[in-house]
Amino acid sequence: MEANDFIKHCHTLLQTISTQMDINKLHGEQNIMILHNLQLEGFMDLSVRENGIMFSFGADDKYVYLIKNTDKHLFDPPVYYNDGDLFLEESSNFLLIELALWISTKSKNTYSIRKFNYLKIRDYFPIWIRGTYCLYTLRINTSLSSFFIRQGDKKITFVAPSPEVLDNILQSVDCKKESSEQKSTSNKVFEVDLSGKKLNVELAYSPDSPQTEIDKWLSILKPEELDKMKIRLSKKLTKDVFSQTDNVSKHDLVEQTNLLCGDLSIDKIIVDKGYITIIFLAPNVLPDYVINCQLNKRLSIIDYYLE
């Protein structure tokens, strides 16, 4: 990403919480130092070490990242874990998404939805910032100084500079605000038996016969078909994790795929119109994440992401 674009996007994001930045003073700085120099309380911890810039986001972030001294001449440098393993080839999208997530916790003008027409919402926010690490997508509307964060297919959070702008956005993309009571009762939960294990199935819409719809999906989720799907999902996730790492052998990929597949267990199932989302846990291989896998009625993987 070019420096001018990064600075412009930072400016738009910060306008939602009325935080000013002097754009003229930021040119010539590396992207990470632009954010550091804004001195946003609670956003980033940063220190300059012999090997480069070490940083993390917020007190709850378990990860410490590194930008190496050898890349200090680059505006959009690669990001490494603190042990030196490569995390991302470029850092600007990652930094912008982390900034947007932090702002969404500070703004008073936010609204989250779980049911949405993404195509309509997407067209209203034309600037697309995507994280290659599967978790979040950021889209920006510069003219409204607004943005939204999309968490896979699970949730969208709008952030605007004022209540009036937020209401205008929701109206324009056909999203209605729900009361707290409506939100808590919007999805019905059923306990089912799947291959001898008790699970919660959440119904995300209102069919004529909820139990019949759930039974249809349970008949599709046969043990042998689930095992095949878990193998496909494990291959995709393992490939994503190791795509940023050089010199990984086929044997290592197969070994990691098998470890992940053997560790996957279903935590919950969400049934929607025409597809389901299975929430997996992998407590030994991916202890800090839950795995969301969206499937059609053929159990083909439509989408997947970690959170």
Foldseek 3Di string as FASTA:
>chain_A
DDPVVLLLLVQLLVLLVPQDDDSVVQPPAASVVSVVVSVDPQAKDWDADPQAIWMDGGPPTPWIKGFGPVCRVPNFQWIGTPVRFGDGRGCSLVVSLSSNVVSLVVGPAKDKDFDFDVVQLCVQFPAWRDDLQFAWIKGHDRVQSWIWIDGWNGMIMIGGNDNVSSVVSCVSRVHDDDDPVCVVPQWDWDWDAAPNDTAIEIENHDDPDVVVQVVLLSVLPHPVLVLVLLLVVLLVNLCSRCVSGPDDDPVNSVVSSVLQSVQWDFHYWYDYVQKIWTWIDRCPNCVPWIKIFIAGSNRDTPGIGID
